[in-house]
Protein backbone atom coordinates (compact mmCIF):
# COMPACT_ATOMS: atom_id res chain seq x y z
CA MET A 1 63.55 -49.02 -90.93
CA THR A 2 61.35 -52.03 -92.39
CA ARG A 3 57.59 -51.48 -92.48
CA ARG A 4 56.95 -54.08 -89.79
CA SER A 5 59.50 -52.32 -87.71
CA LEU A 6 57.45 -49.17 -88.08
CA GLN A 7 54.25 -50.93 -87.45
CA ALA A 8 55.92 -52.64 -84.09
CA LEU A 9 56.90 -49.00 -82.95
CA ILE A 10 53.43 -47.38 -83.69
CA GLY A 11 51.86 -49.96 -81.83
CA SER A 12 54.17 -49.57 -79.10
CA PHE A 13 53.44 -45.97 -78.98
CA VAL A 14 49.49 -46.56 -78.93
CA GLY A 15 49.80 -49.10 -76.29
CA THR A 16 51.45 -46.90 -73.88
CA ALA A 17 49.00 -43.90 -74.53
CA LEU A 18 46.13 -46.33 -74.36
CA LEU A 19 47.54 -47.35 -70.68
CA LEU A 20 48.11 -43.67 -69.80
CA SER A 21 44.90 -42.72 -70.91
CA MET A 22 43.09 -45.53 -68.86
CA GLY A 23 45.28 -44.61 -65.71
CA SER A 24 44.24 -41.05 -66.06
CA VAL A 25 40.38 -42.31 -66.26
CA VAL A 26 40.90 -44.51 -63.03
CA LEU A 27 42.82 -41.76 -61.22
CA ALA A 28 39.85 -39.19 -62.17
CA ALA A 29 37.25 -41.74 -60.90
CA THR A 30 38.79 -41.70 -57.31
CA PRO A 31 37.32 -39.23 -55.56
CA LYS A 32 39.20 -37.14 -52.84
CA LYS A 33 38.10 -38.05 -49.35
CA ASP A 34 36.04 -35.27 -47.51
CA THR A 35 37.35 -34.46 -44.15
CA THR A 36 36.26 -30.57 -43.84
CA PRO A 37 33.28 -30.37 -41.26
CA PRO A 38 30.50 -27.87 -41.79
CA THR A 39 30.84 -24.22 -40.08
CA ASP A 40 29.38 -24.04 -36.52
CA VAL A 41 25.79 -23.38 -36.09
CA GLU A 42 24.98 -19.97 -34.83
CA LYS A 43 22.02 -17.79 -33.54
CA LEU A 44 20.26 -20.49 -32.17
CA THR A 45 16.92 -19.35 -30.53
CA ALA A 46 13.88 -21.17 -28.78
CA VAL A 47 10.54 -20.57 -28.16
CA ILE A 48 8.93 -22.57 -25.08
CA GLY A 49 5.59 -24.34 -25.16
CA ASP A 50 3.57 -26.76 -23.13
CA GLY A 51 5.75 -29.86 -22.84
CA MET A 52 8.18 -28.84 -26.02
CA VAL A 53 10.19 -26.40 -27.04
CA SER A 54 10.55 -24.92 -30.66
CA LEU A 55 14.26 -24.37 -31.95
CA SER A 56 15.42 -22.53 -34.80
CA TRP A 57 18.99 -21.40 -36.24
CA ASP A 58 20.88 -19.93 -39.43
CA ALA A 59 22.03 -22.39 -41.83
CA ALA A 60 25.55 -23.67 -41.45
CA LYS A 61 27.81 -23.96 -44.83
CA ASP A 62 30.04 -26.75 -45.98
CA ASP A 63 32.68 -27.18 -48.95
CA THR A 64 30.33 -29.44 -50.36
CA ALA A 65 26.99 -29.51 -48.62
CA VAL A 66 25.28 -29.73 -45.44
CA THR A 67 23.04 -32.47 -45.38
CA GLY A 68 21.59 -32.27 -41.95
CA TYR A 69 21.78 -31.25 -38.28
CA LYS A 70 22.07 -32.79 -34.82
CA VAL A 71 19.93 -31.44 -31.91
CA TYR A 72 21.45 -32.16 -28.53
CA VAL A 73 19.17 -31.80 -25.21
CA GLY A 74 20.22 -32.34 -21.52
CA PRO A 75 19.73 -30.83 -17.97
CA ASP A 76 23.10 -30.19 -17.37
CA GLU A 77 25.04 -26.96 -18.52
CA VAL A 78 27.88 -27.62 -21.09
CA THR A 79 30.70 -24.87 -21.63
CA GLU A 80 34.12 -25.14 -22.42
CA LEU A 81 35.04 -24.76 -18.76
CA ASN A 82 33.48 -27.96 -17.85
CA THR A 83 33.10 -31.67 -18.94
CA ALA A 84 29.55 -32.08 -18.88
CA LYS A 85 27.88 -33.94 -21.83
CA TYR A 86 24.41 -33.41 -23.25
CA ALA A 87 22.25 -36.36 -22.42
CA GLU A 88 20.56 -37.04 -25.51
CA SER A 89 20.99 -35.98 -29.30
CA LYS A 90 19.29 -36.63 -32.74
CA LYS A 91 20.12 -36.56 -36.08
CA ILE A 92 17.41 -34.77 -38.23
CA GLU A 93 17.27 -33.64 -41.84
CA ASN A 94 18.59 -30.42 -43.48
CA VAL A 95 16.09 -27.97 -41.68
CA THR A 96 16.62 -25.13 -39.74
CA THR A 97 13.67 -25.37 -37.25
CA TYR A 98 12.95 -28.24 -35.11
CA GLU A 99 10.45 -29.18 -31.99
CA VAL A 100 11.59 -30.95 -29.11
CA LYS A 101 8.68 -32.86 -27.80
CA LYS A 102 8.23 -34.87 -24.52
CA LEU A 103 9.60 -32.82 -22.17
CA GLU A 104 8.84 -32.04 -18.38
CA ASN A 105 7.09 -28.91 -17.51
CA GLY A 106 8.86 -26.72 -15.11
CA LYS A 107 12.35 -28.41 -15.57
CA THR A 108 15.07 -26.75 -16.91
CA TYR A 109 16.97 -28.14 -20.00
CA TYR A 110 19.89 -26.98 -22.16
CA MET A 111 19.95 -27.14 -25.88
CA ALA A 112 22.62 -26.64 -28.63
CA VAL A 113 22.86 -27.88 -32.54
CA THR A 114 25.70 -28.84 -34.64
CA ALA A 115 25.47 -29.51 -38.70
CA LEU A 116 26.54 -32.62 -40.59
CA ASP A 117 27.72 -33.19 -44.05
CA ALA A 118 27.07 -36.28 -46.69
CA ALA A 119 30.71 -37.56 -45.29
CA GLY A 120 29.65 -37.78 -41.81
CA ASN A 121 31.65 -34.71 -40.56
CA GLU A 122 30.10 -33.05 -37.66
CA SER A 123 30.79 -29.13 -37.06
CA GLU A 124 33.64 -28.91 -34.58
CA SER A 125 31.82 -26.92 -31.79
CA TYR A 126 28.18 -26.85 -30.36
CA SER A 127 26.24 -23.80 -31.35
CA PRO A 128 25.72 -21.17 -28.49
CA TYR A 129 23.06 -22.73 -26.35
CA VAL A 130 19.85 -21.83 -25.05
CA THR A 131 18.39 -22.55 -21.43
CA VAL A 132 14.85 -23.29 -21.70
CA LYS A 133 11.80 -24.43 -18.99
CA PRO A 134 8.81 -25.42 -20.49
CA PHE A 135 5.36 -24.74 -18.88
CA SER A 136 1.88 -25.92 -19.02
CA LYS A 137 -0.62 -23.04 -20.15
CA VAL A 138 -2.18 -23.36 -16.85
CA VAL A 139 1.24 -22.31 -15.13
CA ALA A 140 2.05 -19.91 -18.11
CA ALA A 141 -1.24 -17.89 -17.47
CA VAL A 142 -1.51 -17.79 -13.72
CA ASN A 143 2.52 -16.46 -13.99
CA GLY A 144 2.28 -14.11 -16.66
CA VAL A 145 4.62 -16.27 -18.61
CA ASP A 146 4.80 -15.48 -22.17
CA THR A 147 5.21 -18.76 -24.15
CA SER A 148 5.55 -17.02 -27.28
CA LYS A 149 8.78 -15.02 -26.25
CA THR A 150 12.00 -16.08 -27.99
CA THR A 151 14.97 -17.16 -25.94
CA THR A 152 18.19 -15.94 -27.54
CA SER A 153 21.27 -18.38 -27.10
CA VAL A 154 24.50 -17.66 -25.21
CA ALA A 155 27.88 -18.68 -26.42
CA PRO A 156 29.45 -21.36 -24.23
CA GLU A 157 32.56 -19.50 -23.42
CA ALA A 158 30.98 -16.27 -22.45
CA LYS A 159 28.00 -17.72 -20.56
CA ALA A 160 30.85 -19.55 -18.31
CA THR A 161 32.61 -16.67 -17.57
CA ASP A 162 29.68 -14.45 -16.88
CA LEU A 163 27.94 -17.13 -14.91
CA VAL A 164 31.17 -17.26 -12.72
CA ALA A 165 30.93 -13.15 -12.16
CA ALA A 166 27.17 -13.13 -11.77
CA THR A 167 26.76 -15.79 -9.28
CA THR A 168 29.72 -15.89 -7.38
CA PRO A 169 28.65 -13.58 -4.44
CA SER A 170 30.95 -10.90 -2.84
CA ALA A 171 32.86 -12.23 0.02
CA ALA A 172 32.00 -8.59 1.86
CA ASP A 173 28.27 -9.39 1.28
CA THR A 174 27.05 -9.50 4.79
CA THR A 175 23.44 -7.71 4.21
CA ALA A 176 20.70 -10.19 5.04
CA PRO A 177 17.66 -10.09 2.75
CA THR A 178 14.51 -8.45 3.43
CA VAL A 179 10.74 -8.74 2.46
CA LYS A 180 9.92 -5.76 0.51
CA SER A 181 6.19 -6.77 -0.07
CA ALA A 182 3.63 -9.33 -0.16
CA THR A 183 0.85 -9.71 -2.26
CA ALA A 184 -2.40 -11.91 -2.89
CA VAL A 185 -2.01 -13.00 -6.61
CA TYR A 186 -5.54 -15.13 -6.09
CA LYS A 187 -7.08 -16.54 -3.20
CA GLY A 188 -4.76 -19.49 -3.03
CA GLN A 189 -1.51 -17.78 -3.58
CA VAL A 190 0.91 -15.08 -2.25
CA LYS A 191 3.63 -13.36 -4.12
CA VAL A 192 6.41 -12.38 -1.78
CA THR A 193 9.06 -9.93 -3.20
CA PHE A 194 12.61 -9.68 -1.40
CA SER A 195 15.24 -6.79 -1.57
CA GLU A 196 17.88 -9.34 -3.26
CA PRO A 197 18.06 -12.70 -4.87
CA VAL A 198 16.97 -15.46 -2.52
CA THR A 199 17.51 -19.30 -2.16
CA LEU A 200 15.01 -21.56 -0.65
CA PRO A 201 15.66 -24.63 1.61
CA SER A 202 15.93 -27.76 -0.96
CA VAL A 203 13.47 -29.92 1.69
CA LYS A 204 10.04 -28.68 2.42
CA PRO A 205 10.32 -25.15 1.57
CA ASP A 206 6.58 -24.44 2.51
CA LYS A 207 8.20 -24.76 5.94
CA ALA A 208 9.96 -21.73 5.79
CA PHE A 209 6.75 -19.13 5.83
CA THR A 210 3.88 -18.82 8.29
CA VAL A 211 0.67 -16.98 7.22
CA GLN A 212 -1.42 -15.35 10.17
CA ASP A 213 -4.95 -14.17 9.79
CA ASN A 214 -5.19 -11.04 11.90
CA LEU A 215 -8.90 -10.77 11.92
CA VAL A 216 -9.37 -14.15 13.69
CA TYR A 217 -5.75 -14.44 14.71
CA GLU A 218 -5.59 -18.07 13.00
CA LYS A 219 -2.91 -19.52 10.76
CA LEU A 220 -3.46 -19.89 7.20
CA VAL A 221 -2.38 -23.44 5.98
CA VAL A 222 0.79 -23.14 3.38
CA ASN A 223 0.74 -25.94 0.96
CA ASP A 224 3.72 -25.00 -1.04
CA ALA A 225 6.66 -22.58 -1.86
CA PHE A 226 8.77 -21.82 -4.94
CA MET A 227 10.77 -19.62 -6.91
CA ASP A 228 8.33 -17.75 -9.38
CA PRO A 229 9.17 -19.13 -12.98
CA SER A 230 8.49 -15.89 -14.50
CA ASP A 231 10.80 -13.83 -12.51
CA LYS A 232 14.29 -13.53 -13.82
CA THR A 233 15.64 -11.49 -10.94
CA GLY A 234 15.52 -14.55 -8.19
CA THR A 235 13.59 -12.21 -6.01
CA VAL A 236 10.21 -13.60 -6.00
CA VAL A 237 8.89 -16.41 -4.40
CA LEU A 238 5.29 -17.72 -4.78
CA VAL A 239 3.46 -19.21 -1.66
CA ASP A 240 0.29 -21.44 -2.22
CA THR A 241 -2.06 -21.30 0.64
CA ALA A 242 -5.47 -22.54 1.72
CA ASP A 243 -8.15 -20.24 0.38
CA GLN A 244 -7.86 -16.71 1.77
CA ASN A 245 -10.45 -14.61 3.57
CA PRO A 246 -11.07 -11.38 1.47
CA ASP A 247 -11.82 -9.44 4.50
CA SER A 248 -8.65 -10.31 6.46
CA ASP A 249 -5.59 -8.77 6.73
CA TYR A 250 -2.77 -11.31 6.74
CA ILE A 251 0.80 -11.28 7.99
CA ILE A 252 3.54 -13.75 6.31
CA THR A 253 6.57 -14.43 8.20
CA VAL A 254 10.09 -15.60 6.63
CA SER A 255 12.09 -18.04 8.65
CA SER A 256 16.03 -18.18 8.72
CA ASP A 257 16.00 -20.84 6.19
CA VAL A 258 15.74 -18.33 3.41
CA GLU A 259 19.09 -17.00 2.39
CA ASP A 260 20.78 -14.82 -0.27
CA LEU A 261 23.08 -15.88 -2.39
CA ALA A 262 25.76 -15.32 -0.19
CA GLY A 263 24.30 -17.42 2.44
CA ASN A 264 23.12 -14.63 4.76
CA PRO A 265 19.75 -15.79 6.36
CA ILE A 266 17.08 -13.40 6.72
CA SER A 267 16.97 -11.65 10.08
CA SER A 268 13.83 -12.00 12.59
CA GLY A 269 12.03 -8.63 13.27
CA THR A 270 10.44 -6.31 10.89
CA SER A 271 12.56 -7.43 7.77
CA ASP A 272 11.14 -11.21 7.60
CA VAL A 273 7.26 -9.97 7.60
CA GLY A 274 5.21 -8.84 4.98
CA GLN A 275 1.27 -7.61 5.14
CA PHE A 276 -1.17 -8.45 2.55
CA LYS A 277 -4.96 -8.07 2.01
CA GLY A 278 -6.78 -11.36 1.36
CA SER A 279 -8.25 -11.97 -2.13
CA ALA A 280 -11.52 -13.43 -3.13
CA VAL A 281 -10.37 -14.03 -6.88
CA THR A 282 -10.70 -17.84 -7.44
CA LEU A 283 -8.26 -19.54 -9.72
CA GLU A 284 -10.78 -19.99 -12.58
CA ALA A 285 -11.44 -16.35 -12.53
CA TYR A 286 -7.77 -15.53 -12.87
CA LEU A 287 -7.23 -17.88 -15.62
CA LYS A 288 -10.14 -16.41 -17.63
CA ALA A 289 -8.74 -12.98 -17.19
CA HIS A 290 -5.68 -14.11 -19.11
CA PRO A 291 -5.84 -14.60 -22.68
CA ALA A 292 -3.52 -17.34 -22.71
CA ALA A 293 -5.33 -19.70 -20.48
CA PRO A 294 -7.44 -22.15 -22.29
CA ALA A 295 -10.97 -22.31 -21.23
CA ALA A 296 -11.21 -26.02 -20.97
CA GLU A 297 -8.37 -26.30 -18.37
CA VAL A 298 -9.61 -25.82 -14.99
CA VAL A 299 -7.77 -26.45 -11.69
CA THR A 300 -9.27 -26.32 -8.42
CA LYS A 301 -7.06 -25.88 -5.41
CA ASN A 302 -3.33 -25.39 -4.51
CA SER A 303 -3.07 -25.50 -8.52
CA LEU A 304 0.15 -24.07 -9.35
CA ILE A 305 1.39 -27.46 -10.78
CA ALA A 306 3.97 -28.56 -13.26
CA SER A 307 1.24 -29.82 -15.75
CA THR A 308 -2.39 -30.49 -15.38
CA GLU A 309 -1.85 -34.12 -16.74
CA ALA A 310 0.36 -34.78 -13.60
CA ALA A 311 -2.29 -32.97 -11.16
CA SER A 312 -4.85 -35.33 -12.63
CA THR A 313 -2.99 -38.46 -12.47
CA ASP A 314 -3.05 -39.89 -9.00
CA THR A 315 0.08 -42.04 -9.16
CA VAL A 316 2.21 -43.29 -6.42
CA LYS A 317 4.68 -40.72 -4.62
CA ILE A 318 6.66 -40.48 -1.62
CA SER A 319 4.48 -39.20 1.30
CA LYS A 320 7.28 -39.20 3.80
CA LEU A 321 11.19 -39.83 4.00
CA GLU A 322 13.06 -40.41 7.39
CA VAL A 323 16.67 -40.66 7.96
CA LEU A 324 17.08 -43.20 11.08
CA ASN A 325 20.94 -43.23 10.99
CA ASP A 326 23.70 -42.58 8.77
CA THR A 327 22.98 -45.66 6.67
CA THR A 328 19.32 -46.33 6.60
CA LEU A 329 16.26 -44.43 5.11
CA LYS A 330 12.56 -45.15 5.86
CA VAL A 331 10.41 -44.44 2.75
CA THR A 332 6.52 -44.18 3.03
CA PHE A 333 4.72 -44.42 -0.30
CA SER A 334 1.27 -42.96 -0.94
CA LYS A 335 -0.30 -46.17 -1.92
CA PRO A 336 1.10 -49.92 -2.24
CA VAL A 337 3.97 -50.28 -4.66
CA VAL A 338 5.01 -52.99 -6.94
CA LEU A 339 8.88 -53.39 -7.47
CA ASN A 340 11.15 -55.49 -9.37
CA THR A 341 12.39 -58.93 -8.39
CA ASP A 342 15.41 -57.27 -7.35
CA PRO A 343 13.97 -53.95 -5.67
CA THR A 344 17.44 -52.38 -5.19
CA GLN A 345 17.50 -51.81 -8.98
CA ASN A 346 14.60 -49.54 -8.42
CA PHE A 347 16.38 -47.01 -6.05
CA SER A 348 19.62 -45.20 -6.26
CA ILE A 349 20.98 -42.27 -4.25
CA THR A 350 23.07 -39.38 -5.53
CA LYS A 351 24.88 -36.42 -4.12
CA LYS A 352 22.44 -33.32 -4.75
CA ASP A 353 25.34 -31.18 -6.23
CA ASP A 354 26.97 -33.97 -7.87
CA LYS A 355 24.87 -36.58 -10.05
CA LYS A 356 27.70 -38.78 -10.66
CA ALA A 357 28.31 -39.44 -6.99
CA LYS A 358 25.86 -42.36 -7.16
CA PHE A 359 25.52 -44.71 -3.85
CA SER A 360 24.00 -48.26 -4.54
CA LEU A 361 21.67 -49.77 -1.76
CA SER A 362 23.22 -52.46 0.13
CA SER A 363 19.79 -53.61 1.71
CA PHE A 364 15.97 -53.14 1.02
CA GLU A 365 13.10 -54.40 3.01
CA ILE A 366 9.25 -53.74 2.45
CA ASP A 367 6.26 -54.22 4.93
CA GLU A 368 3.13 -56.31 4.32
CA THR A 369 1.28 -53.01 3.42
CA LYS A 370 3.82 -52.59 0.70
CA MET A 371 3.89 -48.70 1.64
CA VAL A 372 6.84 -48.74 3.89
CA ALA A 373 10.33 -49.51 3.07
CA THR A 374 13.69 -49.41 4.61
CA LEU A 375 17.04 -48.74 2.61
CA THR A 376 20.29 -49.13 3.48
CA ALA A 377 23.40 -47.41 1.94
CA THR A 378 26.42 -45.82 3.17
CA MET A 379 25.98 -42.10 3.11
CA GLU A 380 28.21 -39.23 4.68
CA PRO A 381 26.94 -37.31 7.62
CA LYS A 382 24.98 -33.91 7.09
CA VAL A 383 24.95 -34.11 3.18
CA ASN A 384 22.51 -33.12 0.68
CA TYR A 385 21.45 -36.46 -1.23
CA THR A 386 18.74 -37.03 -3.77
CA LEU A 387 16.81 -40.58 -3.74
CA VAL A 388 16.29 -41.50 -7.40
CA MET A 389 13.30 -44.01 -8.26
CA THR A 390 12.74 -45.84 -11.72
CA GLY A 391 10.28 -48.40 -12.68
CA ILE A 392 8.38 -48.07 -9.61
CA LEU A 393 4.42 -49.03 -10.29
CA ASP A 394 1.26 -48.81 -8.06
CA ASP A 395 -1.27 -51.48 -7.53
CA LYS A 396 -2.90 -50.40 -10.84
CA GLY A 397 0.19 -50.68 -12.87
CA ALA A 398 0.57 -47.29 -13.16
CA GLU A 399 4.20 -45.85 -13.15
CA MET A 400 5.63 -43.26 -10.80
CA THR A 401 5.88 -39.79 -12.91
CA PRO A 402 9.25 -38.56 -13.33
CA LYS A 403 8.12 -35.36 -11.18
CA ASN A 404 7.52 -37.86 -8.05
CA SER A 405 10.68 -40.06 -8.88
CA THR A 406 13.15 -38.06 -6.96
CA PHE A 407 13.28 -36.57 -3.45
CA ASP A 408 15.85 -34.66 -1.73
CA PHE A 409 17.08 -34.90 1.65
CA VAL A 410 19.86 -34.46 3.91
CA SER A 411 21.56 -37.07 5.73
CA GLU A 412 20.96 -35.79 9.31
CA ILE A 413 19.02 -37.36 12.19
CA ALA A 414 16.35 -35.21 13.49
CA THR A 415 16.62 -34.42 17.06
CA ILE A 416 13.56 -34.82 18.93
CA VAL A 417 12.99 -31.84 21.11
CA LYS A 418 10.25 -31.20 23.73
CA LYS A 419 8.36 -28.51 21.84
CA ASP A 420 8.30 -25.12 23.80
CA ILE A 421 4.73 -23.77 23.67
CA THR A 422 5.30 -21.38 26.62
CA PRO A 423 5.21 -17.62 25.90
CA PRO A 424 7.39 -15.12 28.00
CA GLU A 425 5.62 -13.13 30.56
CA GLU A 426 3.56 -9.95 29.93
CA VAL A 427 4.94 -6.49 30.12
CA THR A 428 3.90 -4.40 32.98
CA ASN A 429 2.77 -0.62 33.66
CA PHE A 430 1.52 -0.24 29.97
CA VAL A 431 0.68 3.21 29.30
CA ALA A 432 -0.08 5.89 26.50
CA LYS A 433 -0.10 9.35 26.61
CA THR A 434 0.34 12.41 24.34
CA VAL A 435 3.68 14.09 23.86
CA LYS A 436 3.16 16.22 20.76
CA THR A 437 0.19 17.00 18.65
CA MET A 438 -1.56 13.73 17.39
CA THR A 439 1.30 11.59 18.68
CA ALA A 440 0.76 8.72 21.18
CA LYS A 441 3.90 7.73 23.29
CA LEU A 442 3.48 4.33 24.75
CA SER A 443 5.83 3.07 27.58
CA TRP A 444 6.02 0.04 29.68
CA THR A 445 7.95 -2.24 32.23
CA LYS A 446 10.17 -5.17 30.42
CA SER A 447 8.84 -8.58 30.84
CA LYS A 448 10.26 -10.75 33.59
CA ASN A 449 11.52 -13.39 30.90
CA SER A 450 12.07 -15.95 33.31
CA ALA A 451 12.82 -18.62 30.62
CA GLY A 452 15.48 -16.28 29.07
CA ASP A 453 14.36 -16.95 25.57
CA LEU A 454 12.50 -13.44 24.97
CA LEU A 455 13.11 -12.10 21.29
CA GLU A 456 11.16 -9.08 20.85
CA TYR A 457 7.95 -7.12 21.59
CA ILE A 458 5.08 -6.77 19.04
CA ILE A 459 3.24 -3.45 18.85
CA TYR A 460 -0.53 -4.00 17.56
CA ARG A 461 -3.03 -0.97 16.79
CA SER A 462 -6.80 -1.01 15.95
CA LEU A 463 -9.37 1.57 15.87
CA ASP A 464 -12.36 -0.18 17.34
CA GLY A 465 -10.52 -2.25 19.80
CA LYS A 466 -11.54 -5.60 18.05
CA LYS A 467 -9.57 -5.80 15.16
CA TYR A 468 -5.79 -5.44 15.50
CA GLY A 469 -2.91 -5.12 12.86
CA GLN A 470 0.57 -5.34 13.59
CA LEU A 471 2.26 -1.88 13.91
CA THR A 472 5.97 -2.94 14.33
CA SER A 473 8.09 -5.06 16.03
CA LEU A 474 10.88 -3.93 18.64
CA THR A 475 13.92 -5.80 20.18
CA LYS A 476 13.53 -6.80 23.96
CA GLU A 477 15.70 -4.00 25.02
CA ASN A 478 13.03 -1.39 24.19
CA ILE A 479 10.74 0.08 27.15
CA ALA A 480 8.67 2.73 24.71
CA PHE A 481 7.80 3.61 20.97
CA GLU A 482 6.22 6.66 19.59
CA SER A 483 2.99 6.63 17.07
CA PRO A 484 2.67 9.65 15.32
CA GLU A 485 0.45 11.18 12.70
CA LEU A 486 -2.50 9.83 13.93
CA GLU A 487 -6.11 10.86 13.28
CA PRO A 488 -8.29 12.69 16.00
CA GLY A 489 -10.50 9.96 18.31
CA TYR A 490 -9.60 6.56 19.97
CA HIS A 491 -6.99 4.47 19.31
CA TYR A 492 -6.41 1.35 20.74
CA TYR A 493 -2.66 -0.58 21.31
CA LYS A 494 -1.75 -3.92 22.31
CA ILE A 495 1.62 -4.96 23.16
CA THR A 496 2.82 -8.95 23.14
CA ALA A 497 5.99 -10.76 24.13
CA LYS A 498 7.51 -12.98 21.77
CA ASP A 499 9.98 -15.73 22.21
CA ALA A 500 12.71 -17.32 19.92
CA ASN A 501 10.38 -19.93 19.44
CA GLY A 502 7.56 -17.94 17.79
CA ASN A 503 5.26 -18.17 21.19
CA GLU A 504 3.53 -15.04 21.95
CA SER A 505 1.97 -14.02 24.91
CA LYS A 506 -2.00 -12.74 24.81
CA GLY A 507 -0.79 -9.04 25.23
CA LYS A 508 -1.52 -6.13 27.26
CA THR A 509 -3.87 -3.47 26.00
CA VAL A 510 -4.63 0.59 26.25
CA LYS A 511 -6.63 3.13 25.15
CA ILE A 512 -6.00 6.73 24.03
CA ARG A 513 -8.25 9.58 22.74
CA LEU A 514 -6.67 12.09 20.60
CA THR A 515 -8.13 15.51 20.10
CA GLU A 516 -7.32 18.51 17.46
CA THR A 517 -7.34 21.10 20.16
CA GLY A 518 -4.26 19.71 22.44
CA PRO A 519 -3.02 16.86 24.26
CA GLU A 520 -6.23 15.57 26.05
CA ILE A 521 -5.48 11.66 27.06
CA GLY A 522 -7.93 9.23 27.37
CA LEU A 523 -5.87 6.66 29.05
CA LEU A 524 -7.91 3.75 30.30
CA ALA A 525 -7.00 0.90 32.60
CA LEU A 526 -5.09 -2.07 30.96
CA MET A 527 -7.29 -4.59 29.61
CA SER A 528 -5.39 -7.74 29.34
CA ILE A 529 -8.74 -9.57 29.72
CA GLY A 530 -11.42 -9.28 26.49
CA PHE A 531 -8.58 -7.60 24.34
CA GLY A 532 -5.91 -10.38 24.54
CA ARG A 533 -6.10 -13.49 22.46
CA VAL A 534 -3.80 -16.37 21.90
CA PHE A 535 -2.14 -15.65 18.72
CA GLY A 536 -0.53 -18.79 17.72
CA ARG A 537 2.03 -17.16 15.22
CA LYS A 538 5.37 -19.08 15.35
CA LYS A 539 8.53 -18.68 13.94
CA GLN A 540 9.40 -21.66 11.95
CA LYS A 541 12.60 -23.74 12.87
CA LYS A 542 14.65 -25.19 10.28
CA SER A 543 13.34 -27.93 8.65
CA LYS A 544 15.01 -31.44 9.13
CA ALA A 545 14.85 -34.22 6.51
């Protein structure tokens, strides 16, 4: 082989080696695409605050590196058994704590977290989620809500299964709920505890409660009623009232609008009433007794509110909503409103249990005062709906708050019925006698019941013949009652007749004297004049939207 041939051969080998080397460099410089997502986020926890929630979680892992997280927030529960989606999401840095702010106090939120890597891969599943409800400091203080308490997350699949098992009532449940107790929280609020979890009517829940002062036989105004946000059993309802008289005993009566989870309404009679002593404690004093209540926050009246800011801002709200027919609503605002050029864009109607079922307005009119609007939309009869309002301003440019922007109603026209204000006739022959040691037996002849609407008899007792407290209620079939374990001395009894509409007669009275030595009877003549008073305690009818 000639030298030139050898040089050519060596040059060929060197060139080939150089090409192979360059190719390997090129191949080495082309990274493999990352398609592996990070692991799912675990152990999500939450601490509620005033208009915010603080989240924390365990760090996720990735084959390269976790570069950040995504926080999901929404008003709907998201599980593997439904198709709901979180309403909002936000990418955050590679941290394991995050504060979700600008939340509406008193509203329930569901939250979950996922992990992200540098290639944009997101963990395959949501973390176990938390259910949270922020509270203002005032609400937390009044209701004993521990805002430092950590809420532990629940796995979506486990939560969905448990939820079905826990909330689906047994078909065999026919037992009506009863009132176990009633206690004044402070002078403007009463706590009512039921025998089992209950639900309140979605429209005007305050109308399901009546409070009567047994000292002056007058009604105490009820301003609001709602489930106790600090109670996890679903058995406690808080009722806001006008200021109570600390010297009075009160009776709170619950209407059949209150039902248990199986749909059994509370029954009329002794099971639907509770008795409590009026409180002299002001809200300010109550708040000062709780360390969580800031001294600067003072709320004066009917003050269990979703936020102090909402209470101090006098923005526009709906003061009345009337269903005129199956297509027409009449809405009355608290003050003149300013709407869009196309006002139908300010309103929409959804089914309460299905927010996706939306109904647009076909027409809209507003009167000269800018306070009364007439809306037209096609709705199904006797269905629970929610009127949703957006972008509505008052005459000073303040926008309607989220709290005031929804209004629940039922698409049913209220039937106007002449109010029954006539009580049943009194019983006759009301007498008392001793039948055992320290036991008084009352007997009477039934009410004539001309109207045929007699519901029950109410027995009251007094030690001075002036201030009576309810002792018991009896069905209309009863003609006698025994009052045992009495103390020696005079005892006064009154019996009234009450109809299904809550009308109660003035009552008949009798007095008996009991001695320690035997059945000495001090039976007096009936005293329907002087002891009888108009009670005015009425059973609430079911509210109509």
